């Protein structure tokens, strides 16, 4: 079963610019962007509850993958 989470992308000033979705703790987001290993992380339960934006592409891919994975795992 895949475990999804979110990892931060940082602006040049060091503040969080956006959140990306990742699968199984990967450093590569669903959109393909490579993210820092020391970046802030949170569970996918935080999706839609951040003050910073969520990557549109990651969000779309996440929504397409999660229901399918849930159907296959029977949860």
PDB file of N, CA and C in Angstrom:
ATOM      1  N   UNK A   1       0.839  -1.179   0.000  1.00  0.00           N
ATOM      2  CA  UNK A   1       0.000   0.000   0.000  1.00  0.00           C
ATOM      3  C   UNK A   1       0.885   1.244   0.000  1.00  0.00           C
ATOM      4  N   UNK A   2       0.558   2.205  -0.828  1.00  0.00           N
ATOM      5  CA  UNK A   2       1.317   3.449  -0.908  1.00  0.00           C
ATOM      6  C   UNK A   2       0.964   4.365   0.253  1.00  0.00           C
ATOM      7  N   UNK A   3       1.972   5.047   0.753  1.00  0.00           N
ATOM      8  CA  UNK A   3       1.776   6.039   1.804  1.00  0.00           C
ATOM      9  C   UNK A   3       2.109   7.403   1.201  1.00  0.00           C
ATOM     10  N   UNK A   4       1.133   8.286   1.185  1.00  0.00           N
ATOM     11  CA  UNK A   4       1.316   9.612   0.604  1.00  0.00           C
ATOM     12  C   UNK A   4       1.593  10.627   1.697  1.00  0.00           C
ATOM     13  N   UNK A   5       2.338  11.646   1.345  1.00  0.00           N
ATOM     14  CA  UNK A   5       2.634  12.737   2.253  1.00  0.00           C
ATOM     15  C   UNK A   5       2.951  13.981   1.453  1.00  0.00           C
ATOM     16  N   UNK A   6       3.303  15.039   2.158  1.00  0.00           N
ATOM     17  CA  UNK A   6       3.625  16.295   1.502  1.00  0.00           C
ATOM     18  C   UNK A   6       5.013  16.743   1.941  1.00  0.00           C
ATOM     19  N   UNK A   7       5.728  17.364   1.016  1.00  0.00           N
ATOM     20  CA  UNK A   7       7.068  17.883   1.294  1.00  0.00           C
ATOM     21  C   UNK A   7       7.128  19.306   0.755  1.00  0.00           C
ATOM     22  N   UNK A   8       7.774  20.188   1.511  1.00  0.00           N
ATOM     23  CA  UNK A   8       7.826  21.606   1.153  1.00  0.00           C
ATOM     24  C   UNK A   8       8.851  21.902   0.061  1.00  0.00           C
ATOM     25  N   UNK A   9       8.502  22.892  -0.759  1.00  0.00           N
ATOM     26  CA  UNK A   9       9.440  23.520  -1.697  1.00  0.00           C
ATOM     27  C   UNK A   9       9.700  24.912  -1.129  1.00  0.00           C
ATOM     28  N   UNK A  10      10.950  25.334  -1.131  1.00  0.00           N
ATOM     29  CA  UNK A  10      11.313  26.604  -0.510  1.00  0.00           C
ATOM     30  C   UNK A  10      11.596  27.692  -1.537  1.00  0.00           C
ATOM     31  N   UNK A  11      11.241  28.925  -1.171  1.00  0.00           N
ATOM     32  CA  UNK A  11      11.585  30.105  -1.961  1.00  0.00           C
ATOM     33  C   UNK A  11      13.029  30.481  -1.640  1.00  0.00           C
ATOM     34  N   UNK A  12      13.590  31.401  -2.406  1.00  0.00           N
ATOM     35  CA  UNK A  12      14.962  31.843  -2.180  1.00  0.00           C
ATOM     36  C   UNK A  12      15.185  32.428  -0.799  1.00  0.00           C
ATOM     37  N   UNK A  13      14.128  32.958  -0.198  1.00  0.00           N
ATOM     38  CA  UNK A  13      14.233  33.555   1.141  1.00  0.00           C
ATOM     39  C   UNK A  13      14.236  32.511   2.256  1.00  0.00           C
ATOM     40  N   UNK A  14      14.008  31.258   1.895  1.00  0.00           N
ATOM     41  CA  UNK A  14      13.975  30.191   2.895  1.00  0.00           C
ATOM     42  C   UNK A  14      12.598  29.892   3.450  1.00  0.00           C
ATOM     43  N   UNK A  15      11.589  30.648   3.009  1.00  0.00           N
ATOM     44  CA  UNK A  15      10.216  30.371   3.443  1.00  0.00           C
ATOM     45  C   UNK A  15       9.598  29.317   2.529  1.00  0.00           C
ATOM     46  N   UNK A  16       8.569  28.658   3.012  1.00  0.00           N
ATOM     47  CA  UNK A  16       7.902  27.645   2.191  1.00  0.00           C
ATOM     48  C   UNK A  16       7.161  28.336   1.054  1.00  0.00           C
ATOM     49  N   UNK A  17       7.473  27.922  -0.156  1.00  0.00           N
ATOM     50  CA  UNK A  17       6.853  28.476  -1.368  1.00  0.00           C
ATOM     51  C   UNK A  17       5.597  27.693  -1.726  1.00  0.00           C
ATOM     52  N   UNK A  18       5.672  26.366  -1.629  1.00  0.00           N
ATOM     53  CA  UNK A  18       4.547  25.499  -2.003  1.00  0.00           C
ATOM     54  C   UNK A  18       4.763  24.120  -1.397  1.00  0.00           C
ATOM     55  N   UNK A  19       3.687  23.359  -1.370  1.00  0.00           N
ATOM     56  CA  UNK A  19       3.736  21.970  -0.909  1.00  0.00           C
ATOM     57  C   UNK A  19       3.548  21.053  -2.102  1.00  0.00           C
ATOM     58  N   UNK A  20       4.281  19.945  -2.084  1.00  0.00           N
ATOM     59  CA  UNK A  20       4.187  18.932  -3.135  1.00  0.00           C
ATOM     60  C   UNK A  20       3.794  17.606  -2.501  1.00  0.00           C
ATOM     61  N   UNK A  21       3.092  16.782  -3.255  1.00  0.00           N
ATOM     62  CA  UNK A  21       2.724  15.445  -2.797  1.00  0.00           C
ATOM     63  C   UNK A  21       3.847  14.479  -3.150  1.00  0.00           C
ATOM     64  N   UNK A  22       4.129  13.575  -2.237  1.00  0.00           N
ATOM     65  CA  UNK A  22       5.130  12.538  -2.468  1.00  0.00           C
ATOM     66  C   UNK A  22       4.536  11.188  -2.082  1.00  0.00           C
ATOM     67  N   UNK A  23       5.155  10.162  -2.580  1.00  0.00           N
ATOM     68  CA  UNK A  23       4.697   8.807  -2.281  1.00  0.00           C
ATOM     69  C   UNK A  23       5.833   8.044  -1.622  1.00  0.00           C
ATOM     70  N   UNK A  24       5.520   7.378  -0.530  1.00  0.00           N
ATOM     71  CA  UNK A  24       6.472   6.515   0.178  1.00  0.00           C
ATOM     72  C   UNK A  24       7.757   7.241   0.580  1.00  0.00           C
ATOM     73  N   UNK A  25       7.641   8.520   0.968  1.00  0.00           N
ATOM     74  CA  UNK A  25       8.785   9.279   1.458  1.00  0.00           C
ATOM     75  C   UNK A  25       9.790   9.702   0.401  1.00  0.00           C
ATOM     76  N   UNK A  26       9.440   9.573  -0.862  1.00  0.00           N
ATOM     77  CA  UNK A  26      10.365   9.913  -1.947  1.00  0.00           C
ATOM     78  C   UNK A  26      10.746  11.392  -1.922  1.00  0.00           C
ATOM     79  N   UNK A  27      11.927  11.701  -2.434  1.00  0.00           N
ATOM     80  CA  UNK A  27      12.355  13.088  -2.575  1.00  0.00           C
ATOM     81  C   UNK A  27      11.862  13.689  -3.889  1.00  0.00           C
ATOM     82  N   UNK A  28      11.357  12.851  -4.782  1.00  0.00           N
ATOM     83  CA  UNK A  28      10.779  13.325  -6.035  1.00  0.00           C
ATOM     84  C   UNK A  28       9.272  13.394  -5.855  1.00  0.00           C
ATOM     85  N   UNK A  29       8.718  14.592  -6.054  1.00  0.00           N
ATOM     86  CA  UNK A  29       7.273  14.790  -5.915  1.00  0.00           C
ATOM     87  C   UNK A  29       6.532  14.095  -7.054  1.00  0.00           C
ATOM     88  N   UNK A  30       5.226  13.948  -6.903  1.00  0.00           N
ATOM     89  CA  UNK A  30       4.420  13.329  -7.953  1.00  0.00           C
ATOM     90  C   UNK A  30       4.551  14.078  -9.270  1.00  0.00           C
ATOM     91  N   UNK A  31       4.786  15.401  -9.212  1.00  0.00           N
ATOM     92  CA  UNK A  31       4.928  16.221 -10.420  1.00  0.00           C
ATOM     93  C   UNK A  31       6.301  16.067 -11.065  1.00  0.00           C
ATOM     94  N   UNK A  32       7.236  15.418 -10.381  1.00  0.00           N
ATOM     95  CA  UNK A  32       8.583  15.223 -10.904  1.00  0.00           C
ATOM     96  C   UNK A  32       9.633  16.147 -10.315  1.00  0.00           C
ATOM     97  N   UNK A  33       9.222  17.129  -9.534  1.00  0.00           N
ATOM     98  CA  UNK A  33      10.185  18.067  -8.928  1.00  0.00           C
ATOM     99  C   UNK A  33      10.977  17.364  -7.835  1.00  0.00           C
ATOM    100  N   UNK A  34      12.306  17.571  -7.852  1.00  0.00           N
ATOM    101  CA  UNK A  34      13.186  17.049  -6.806  1.00  0.00           C
ATOM    102  C   UNK A  34      13.145  18.007  -5.623  1.00  0.00           C
ATOM    103  N   UNK A  35      12.928  17.474  -4.441  1.00  0.00           N
ATOM    104  CA  UNK A  35      12.812  18.295  -3.236  1.00  0.00           C
ATOM    105  C   UNK A  35      13.929  17.969  -2.252  1.00  0.00           C
ATOM    106  N   UNK A  36      14.202  18.915  -1.378  1.00  0.00           N
ATOM    107  CA  UNK A  36      15.278  18.760  -0.396  1.00  0.00           C
ATOM    108  C   UNK A  36      14.946  17.680   0.627  1.00  0.00           C
ATOM    109  N   UNK A  37      15.965  16.925   1.004  1.00  0.00           N
ATOM    110  CA  UNK A  37      15.786  15.876   2.013  1.00  0.00           C
ATOM    111  C   UNK A  37      15.417  16.464   3.369  1.00  0.00           C
ATOM    112  N   UNK A  38      15.922  17.663   3.665  1.00  0.00           N
ATOM    113  CA  UNK A  38      15.648  18.286   4.958  1.00  0.00           C
ATOM    114  C   UNK A  38      14.402  19.177   4.937  1.00  0.00           C
ATOM    115  N   UNK A  39      13.621  19.107   3.874  1.00  0.00           N
ATOM    116  CA  UNK A  39      12.406  19.929   3.760  1.00  0.00           C
ATOM    117  C   UNK A  39      11.356  19.486   4.779  1.00  0.00           C
ATOM    118  N   UNK A  40      10.533  20.438   5.174  1.00  0.00           N
ATOM    119  CA  UNK A  40       9.420  20.123   6.078  1.00  0.00           C
ATOM    120  C   UNK A  40       8.493  19.115   5.408  1.00  0.00           C
ATOM    121  N   UNK A  41       7.937  18.228   6.211  1.00  0.00           N
ATOM    122  CA  UNK A  41       6.994  17.238   5.690  1.00  0.00           C
ATOM    123  C   UNK A  41       5.734  17.237   6.550  1.00  0.00           C
ATOM    124  N   UNK A  42       4.665  16.726   5.987  1.00  0.00           N
ATOM    125  CA  UNK A  42       3.429  16.483   6.734  1.00  0.00           C
ATOM    126  C   UNK A  42       2.670  15.366   6.029  1.00  0.00           C
ATOM    127  N   UNK A  43       1.714  14.795   6.713  1.00  0.00           N
ATOM    128  CA  UNK A  43       0.924  13.720   6.118  1.00  0.00           C
ATOM    129  C   UNK A  43      -0.024  14.302   5.077  1.00  0.00           C
ATOM    130  N   UNK A  44      -0.590  13.440   4.275  1.00  0.00           N
ATOM    131  CA  UNK A  44      -1.536  13.911   3.259  1.00  0.00           C
ATOM    132  C   UNK A  44      -2.831  14.430   3.876  1.00  0.00           C
ATOM    133  N   UNK A  45      -3.036  14.204   5.169  1.00  0.00           N
ATOM    134  CA  UNK A  45      -4.212  14.768   5.843  1.00  0.00           C
ATOM    135  C   UNK A  45      -4.148  16.294   5.868  1.00  0.00           C
ATOM    136  N   UNK A  46      -2.957  16.854   5.690  1.00  0.00           N
ATOM    137  CA  UNK A  46      -2.792  18.298   5.659  1.00  0.00           C
ATOM    138  C   UNK A  46      -3.191  18.931   4.340  1.00  0.00           C
ATOM    139  N   UNK A  47      -3.445  18.086   3.339  1.00  0.00           N
ATOM    140  CA  UNK A  47      -3.822  18.603   2.020  1.00  0.00           C
ATOM    141  C   UNK A  47      -5.063  19.478   2.159  1.00  0.00           C
ATOM    142  N   UNK A  48      -5.038  20.638   1.551  1.00  0.00           N
ATOM    143  CA  UNK A  48      -6.132  21.629   1.588  1.00  0.00           C
ATOM    144  C   UNK A  48      -6.222  22.349   2.928  1.00  0.00           C
ATOM    145  N   UNK A  49      -5.241  22.163   3.806  1.00  0.00           N
ATOM    146  CA  UNK A  49      -5.247  22.842   5.104  1.00  0.00           C
ATOM    147  C   UNK A  49      -3.942  23.591   5.349  1.00  0.00           C
ATOM    148  N   UNK A  50      -3.270  24.007   4.283  1.00  0.00           N
ATOM    149  CA  UNK A  50      -2.021  24.749   4.421  1.00  0.00           C
ATOM    150  C   UNK A  50      -2.248  26.197   4.018  1.00  0.00           C
ATOM    151  N   UNK A  51      -1.449  27.101   4.579  1.00  0.00           N
ATOM    152  CA  UNK A  51      -1.567  28.500   4.150  1.00  0.00           C
ATOM    153  C   UNK A  51      -0.818  28.723   2.842  1.00  0.00           C
ATOM    154  N   UNK A  52       0.174  27.896   2.561  1.00  0.00           N
ATOM    155  CA  UNK A  52       0.891  27.968   1.291  1.00  0.00           C
ATOM    156  C   UNK A  52       0.152  27.119   0.251  1.00  0.00           C
ATOM    157  N   UNK A  53       0.328  27.439  -1.026  1.00  0.00           N
ATOM    158  CA  UNK A  53      -0.363  26.664  -2.063  1.00  0.00           C
ATOM    159  C   UNK A  53       0.178  25.237  -2.190  1.00  0.00           C
ATOM    160  N   UNK A  54      -0.661  24.380  -2.730  1.00  0.00           N
ATOM    161  CA  UNK A  54      -0.283  23.006  -3.075  1.00  0.00           C
ATOM    162  C   UNK A  54      -0.013  22.987  -4.579  1.00  0.00           C
ATOM    163  N   UNK A  55       1.019  22.302  -4.992  1.00  0.00           N
ATOM    164  CA  UNK A  55       1.319  22.162  -6.417  1.00  0.00           C
ATOM    165  C   UNK A  55       0.086  21.595  -7.128  1.00  0.00           C
ATOM    166  N   UNK A  56      -0.376  22.291  -8.154  1.00  0.00           N
ATOM    167  CA  UNK A  56      -1.579  21.878  -8.879  1.00  0.00           C
ATOM    168  C   UNK A  56      -1.411  20.491  -9.493  1.00  0.00           C
ATOM    169  N   UNK A  57      -0.267  20.250 -10.110  1.00  0.00           N
ATOM    170  CA  UNK A  57      -0.031  18.958 -10.754  1.00  0.00           C
ATOM    171  C   UNK A  57       0.001  17.833  -9.726  1.00  0.00           C
ATOM    172  N   UNK A  58       0.688  18.056  -8.613  1.00  0.00           N
ATOM    173  CA  UNK A  58       0.722  17.042  -7.550  1.00  0.00           C
ATOM    174  C   UNK A  58      -0.682  16.751  -7.030  1.00  0.00           C
ATOM    175  N   UNK A  59      -1.470  17.807  -6.825  1.00  0.00           N
ATOM    176  CA  UNK A  59      -2.832  17.631  -6.331  1.00  0.00           C
ATOM    177  C   UNK A  59      -3.680  16.805  -7.276  1.00  0.00           C
ATOM    178  N   UNK A  60      -3.568  17.095  -8.572  1.00  0.00           N
ATOM    179  CA  UNK A  60      -4.349  16.352  -9.565  1.00  0.00           C
ATOM    180  C   UNK A  60      -3.932  14.884  -9.598  1.00  0.00           C
ATOM    181  N   UNK A  61      -2.636  14.629  -9.582  1.00  0.00           N
ATOM    182  CA  UNK A  61      -2.155  13.245  -9.601  1.00  0.00           C
ATOM    183  C   UNK A  61      -2.529  12.506  -8.322  1.00  0.00           C
ATOM    184  N   UNK A  62      -2.443  13.189  -7.198  1.00  0.00           N
ATOM    185  CA  UNK A  62      -2.826  12.594  -5.915  1.00  0.00           C
ATOM    186  C   UNK A  62      -4.293  12.165  -5.945  1.00  0.00           C
ATOM    187  N   UNK A  63      -5.162  13.052  -6.398  1.00  0.00           N
ATOM    188  CA  UNK A  63      -6.592  12.729  -6.440  1.00  0.00           C
ATOM    189  C   UNK A  63      -6.893  11.565  -7.376  1.00  0.00           C
ATOM    190  N   UNK A  64      -6.095  11.403  -8.406  1.00  0.00           N
ATOM    191  CA  UNK A  64      -6.300  10.282  -9.332  1.00  0.00           C
ATOM    192  C   UNK A  64      -5.765   8.969  -8.771  1.00  0.00           C
ATOM    193  N   UNK A  65      -4.723   9.034  -7.959  1.00  0.00           N
ATOM    194  CA  UNK A  65      -4.094   7.813  -7.450  1.00  0.00           C
ATOM    195  C   UNK A  65      -4.728   7.283  -6.178  1.00  0.00           C
ATOM    196  N   UNK A  66      -5.109   8.149  -5.274  1.00  0.00           N
ATOM    197  CA  UNK A  66      -5.596   7.703  -3.966  1.00  0.00           C
ATOM    198  C   UNK A  66      -6.856   6.852  -4.058  1.00  0.00           C
ATOM    199  N   UNK A  67      -7.892   7.270  -4.788  1.00  0.00           N
ATOM    200  CA  UNK A  67      -9.079   6.404  -4.857  1.00  0.00           C
ATOM    201  C   UNK A  67      -8.762   5.036  -5.466  1.00  0.00           C
ATOM    202  N   UNK A  68      -7.902   4.993  -6.472  1.00  0.00           N
ATOM    203  CA  UNK A  68      -7.545   3.729  -7.104  1.00  0.00           C
ATOM    204  C   UNK A  68      -6.827   2.823  -6.104  1.00  0.00           C
ATOM    205  N   UNK A  69      -5.849   3.380  -5.397  1.00  0.00           N
ATOM    206  CA  UNK A  69      -5.122   2.580  -4.405  1.00  0.00           C
ATOM    207  C   UNK A  69      -6.069   2.071  -3.322  1.00  0.00           C
ATOM    208  N   UNK A  70      -7.015   2.904  -2.898  1.00  0.00           N
ATOM    209  CA  UNK A  70      -7.974   2.494  -1.868  1.00  0.00           C
ATOM    210  C   UNK A  70      -8.859   1.361  -2.364  1.00  0.00           C
ATOM    211  N   UNK A  71      -9.272   1.437  -3.623  1.00  0.00           N
ATOM    212  CA  UNK A  71     -10.115   0.372  -4.182  1.00  0.00           C
ATOM    213  C   UNK A  71      -9.343  -0.939  -4.250  1.00  0.00           C
ATOM    214  N   UNK A  72      -8.074  -0.865  -4.648  1.00  0.00           N
ATOM    215  CA  UNK A  72      -7.274  -2.073  -4.802  1.00  0.00           C
ATOM    216  C   UNK A  72      -6.945  -2.714  -3.456  1.00  0.00           C
ATOM    217  N   UNK A  73      -6.773  -1.883  -2.422  1.00  0.00           N
ATOM    218  CA  UNK A  73      -6.404  -2.435  -1.116  1.00  0.00           C
ATOM    219  C   UNK A  73      -7.618  -2.873  -0.304  1.00  0.00           C
ATOM    220  N   UNK A  74      -8.816  -2.473  -0.774  1.00  0.00           N
ATOM    221  CA  UNK A  74     -10.029  -2.869  -0.076  1.00  0.00           C
ATOM    222  C   UNK A  74     -10.365  -2.015   1.118  1.00  0.00           C
ATOM    223  N   UNK A  75      -9.698  -0.843   1.260  1.00  0.00           N
ATOM    224  CA  UNK A  75      -9.994   0.031   2.398  1.00  0.00           C
ATOM    225  C   UNK A  75     -10.965   1.116   2.014  1.00  0.00           C
TER     226      UNK A  75
END
